[in-house]
Amino acid sequence: MNCVKYPLLLTALILIILSSCEKDKTVIKEKQFLIIPVKEITETVKFYPAIVDDIKMEILTVKASDETNRIVFNACERCCETGEGFFEQEESYLICRYCQMRVHIDSIGITSGGCQPIPIPEDEMQIKGDTIRISYNTLSANTQWFTGGDQDSNETLNTGTGIELPLIDDHEE
């Protein structure tokens, strides 16, 4: 009987619950940036999901043994067309989920090609305060690495811990 009295409240609660399921998807539009807090980059790989031009993609960050930050696209040239050429961490290595290639963390972002994660050139990242910013233009220019497989499936990018990221829309690039 009480549920009948409060149908709008019940509907609102259901909508809030359903909308919270989308929080790990950050949509990056023109003149916006993917923001990566530098303090979050550690020896443990962290994945930053984004949607750019309706394409799901991920950026992967990790601190190498020389203390440098490595920031790359979570895809490789060889396996990306399968929709499963994404990486997971095993000790000091990234393992391609498709071909099982082992890539040492110290080599990512330095070498490219084959089953190496796609590097993001340093000149395409901005350091602002304690964050690293990757522009929409850089992300959009690299969506081809993420178009393999089924883009409607959550399995395509189910590789890490998706988190909601803040956006900066300050029209600087």
Protein backbone atom coordinates (compact mmCIF):
# COMPACT_ATOMS: atom_id res chain seq x y z
CA MET A 1 0.00 0.00 0.00
CA ASN A 2 2.85 2.44 0.82
CA CYS A 3 4.53 1.70 -2.52
CA VAL A 4 1.42 2.87 -4.31
CA LYS A 5 1.57 6.20 -2.45
CA TYR A 6 5.11 6.94 -3.58
CA PRO A 7 5.46 5.80 -7.21
CA LEU A 8 7.46 8.89 -8.21
CA LEU A 9 9.90 8.39 -5.36
CA LEU A 10 10.34 4.74 -6.27
CA THR A 11 10.88 5.65 -9.95
CA ALA A 12 13.45 8.30 -8.99
CA LEU A 13 15.38 5.83 -6.84
CA ILE A 14 15.48 3.28 -9.66
CA LEU A 15 16.77 5.93 -12.09
CA ILE A 16 19.48 7.03 -9.65
CA ILE A 17 20.64 3.44 -9.19
CA LEU A 18 20.71 2.80 -12.94
CA SER A 19 22.57 6.03 -13.71
CA SER A 20 25.26 5.20 -11.13
CA CYS A 21 26.19 2.15 -13.22
CA GLU A 22 27.54 4.50 -15.92
CA LYS A 23 29.98 6.39 -13.65
CA ASP A 24 33.07 4.57 -14.89
CA LYS A 25 32.59 5.94 -18.41
CA THR A 26 34.03 9.39 -18.96
CA VAL A 27 32.98 10.99 -22.22
CA ILE A 28 35.64 13.31 -23.62
CA LYS A 29 34.41 15.91 -26.10
CA GLU A 30 36.11 18.58 -28.16
CA LYS A 31 38.18 21.02 -26.06
CA GLN A 32 38.12 18.66 -23.07
CA PHE A 33 40.84 16.56 -21.50
CA LEU A 34 41.29 13.20 -19.85
CA ILE A 35 42.77 14.07 -16.46
CA ILE A 36 45.24 11.74 -14.72
CA PRO A 37 46.34 12.70 -11.19
CA VAL A 38 50.12 12.13 -11.01
CA LYS A 39 49.83 10.75 -7.45
CA GLU A 40 47.72 7.87 -8.80
CA ILE A 41 50.58 6.59 -10.99
CA THR A 42 52.29 3.77 -9.09
CA GLU A 43 54.00 0.45 -9.78
CA THR A 44 50.53 -1.05 -10.11
CA VAL A 45 48.92 -0.52 -13.49
CA LYS A 46 45.87 1.73 -13.46
CA PHE A 47 43.34 1.96 -16.26
CA TYR A 48 41.52 5.16 -17.24
CA PRO A 49 38.49 4.44 -19.42
CA ALA A 50 37.05 7.07 -21.73
CA ILE A 51 34.58 7.36 -24.56
CA VAL A 52 35.78 9.49 -27.46
CA ASP A 53 33.75 9.91 -30.65
CA ASP A 54 31.49 7.08 -29.38
CA ILE A 55 34.50 4.73 -29.14
CA LYS A 56 35.40 3.10 -25.82
CA MET A 57 39.09 3.37 -25.06
CA GLU A 58 41.50 3.12 -22.15
CA ILE A 59 44.70 4.80 -21.10
CA LEU A 60 47.09 2.72 -19.01
CA THR A 61 49.49 4.25 -16.48
CA VAL A 62 52.30 2.72 -14.45
CA LYS A 63 55.53 3.84 -12.80
CA ALA A 64 58.61 2.09 -14.24
CA SER A 65 61.55 0.90 -12.13
CA ASP A 66 63.45 4.12 -12.96
CA GLU A 67 60.56 6.10 -11.36
CA THR A 68 59.37 7.53 -14.69
CA ASN A 69 55.66 7.60 -15.44
CA ARG A 70 54.60 5.51 -18.40
CA ILE A 71 51.33 6.54 -20.04
CA VAL A 72 50.10 4.58 -23.07
CA PHE A 73 46.95 3.47 -24.84
CA ASN A 74 45.75 0.10 -23.55
CA ALA A 75 46.00 -1.52 -26.99
CA CYS A 76 48.67 -2.87 -29.29
CA GLU A 77 49.14 -2.69 -33.05
CA ARG A 78 49.12 -6.43 -33.56
CA CYS A 79 46.10 -7.55 -31.52
CA CYS A 80 43.87 -4.46 -31.41
CA GLU A 81 41.80 -5.53 -34.40
CA THR A 82 40.57 -8.55 -32.42
CA GLY A 83 38.94 -6.36 -29.80
CA GLU A 84 40.84 -8.30 -27.15
CA GLY A 85 44.41 -6.98 -27.49
CA PHE A 86 44.36 -5.33 -24.08
CA PHE A 87 46.73 -5.76 -21.18
CA GLU A 88 46.68 -6.91 -17.58
CA GLN A 89 49.54 -6.80 -15.09
CA GLU A 90 51.51 -9.76 -13.79
CA GLU A 91 54.33 -8.60 -11.51
CA SER A 92 56.67 -6.39 -13.63
CA TYR A 93 55.03 -7.39 -16.90
CA LEU A 94 51.97 -6.52 -18.91
CA ILE A 95 50.38 -9.54 -20.53
CA CYS A 96 48.34 -9.22 -23.73
CA ARG A 97 45.01 -10.92 -23.14
CA TYR A 98 44.85 -12.04 -26.77
CA CYS A 99 48.30 -13.43 -27.66
CA GLN A 100 49.75 -13.72 -24.11
CA MET A 101 52.85 -11.68 -25.08
CA ARG A 102 54.76 -10.52 -22.00
CA VAL A 103 55.94 -6.91 -22.11
CA HIS A 104 58.22 -5.61 -19.35
CA ILE A 105 56.85 -2.44 -17.76
CA ASP A 106 60.20 -0.68 -18.27
CA SER A 107 59.80 -0.98 -22.05
CA ILE A 108 56.30 0.45 -22.37
CA GLY A 109 56.09 3.91 -23.82
CA ILE A 110 59.71 3.56 -24.98
CA THR A 111 59.42 0.93 -27.69
CA SER A 112 56.49 0.55 -30.06
CA GLY A 113 55.14 -1.83 -32.63
CA GLY A 114 54.05 -5.44 -32.46
CA CYS A 115 52.46 -6.23 -29.12
CA GLN A 116 53.72 -3.16 -27.27
CA PRO A 117 51.08 -0.80 -25.87
CA ILE A 118 50.62 2.21 -28.17
CA PRO A 119 52.72 5.10 -26.78
CA ILE A 120 51.35 8.59 -26.23
CA PRO A 121 54.15 11.01 -27.17
CA GLU A 122 55.19 13.32 -24.33
CA ASP A 123 54.49 16.37 -26.46
CA GLU A 124 50.84 15.26 -26.68
CA MET A 125 50.41 15.35 -22.89
CA GLN A 126 50.23 18.47 -20.77
CA ILE A 127 51.36 18.68 -17.17
CA LYS A 128 49.23 21.14 -15.26
CA GLY A 129 49.76 21.27 -11.52
CA ASP A 130 49.68 17.72 -10.19
CA THR A 131 47.82 16.30 -13.18
CA ILE A 132 48.61 15.02 -16.65
CA ARG A 133 46.11 16.07 -19.28
CA ILE A 134 45.50 14.30 -22.57
CA SER A 135 43.45 16.31 -25.04
CA TYR A 136 40.41 15.26 -26.98
CA ASN A 137 42.44 15.78 -30.19
CA THR A 138 45.10 13.27 -29.10
CA LEU A 139 42.50 10.74 -27.98
CA SER A 140 40.36 11.18 -31.09
CA ALA A 141 43.38 10.71 -33.37
CA ASN A 142 43.94 7.27 -31.80
CA THR A 143 40.46 5.75 -31.69
CA GLN A 144 41.42 3.33 -34.48
CA TRP A 145 43.26 1.20 -31.91
CA PHE A 146 39.95 0.50 -30.14
CA THR A 147 37.52 -0.22 -32.95
CA GLY A 148 38.09 -3.99 -33.09
CA GLY A 149 35.51 -6.24 -31.47
CA ASP A 150 32.04 -5.28 -30.32
CA GLN A 151 31.91 -1.68 -29.10
CA ASP A 152 28.47 -2.24 -27.56
CA SER A 153 29.87 -4.88 -25.23
CA ASN A 154 31.27 -4.01 -21.82
CA GLU A 155 33.66 -6.93 -22.31
CA THR A 156 35.71 -4.97 -24.85
CA LEU A 157 37.32 -2.81 -22.19
CA ASN A 158 36.84 -4.92 -19.10
CA THR A 159 40.53 -4.87 -18.26
CA GLY A 160 40.98 -2.85 -15.12
CA THR A 161 39.35 -0.76 -12.52
CA GLY A 162 37.21 1.83 -14.27
CA ILE A 163 36.96 5.07 -12.37
CA GLU A 164 35.14 8.31 -12.97
CA LEU A 165 37.50 11.10 -13.97
CA PRO A 166 36.99 14.85 -13.81
CA LEU A 167 36.99 16.84 -17.04
CA ILE A 168 38.46 20.26 -17.63
CA ASP A 169 36.62 22.32 -20.21
CA ASP A 170 38.82 25.39 -20.20
CA HIS A 171 39.36 25.55 -23.97
CA GLU A 172 43.14 25.28 -23.66
CA GLU A 173 45.01 22.83 -25.81
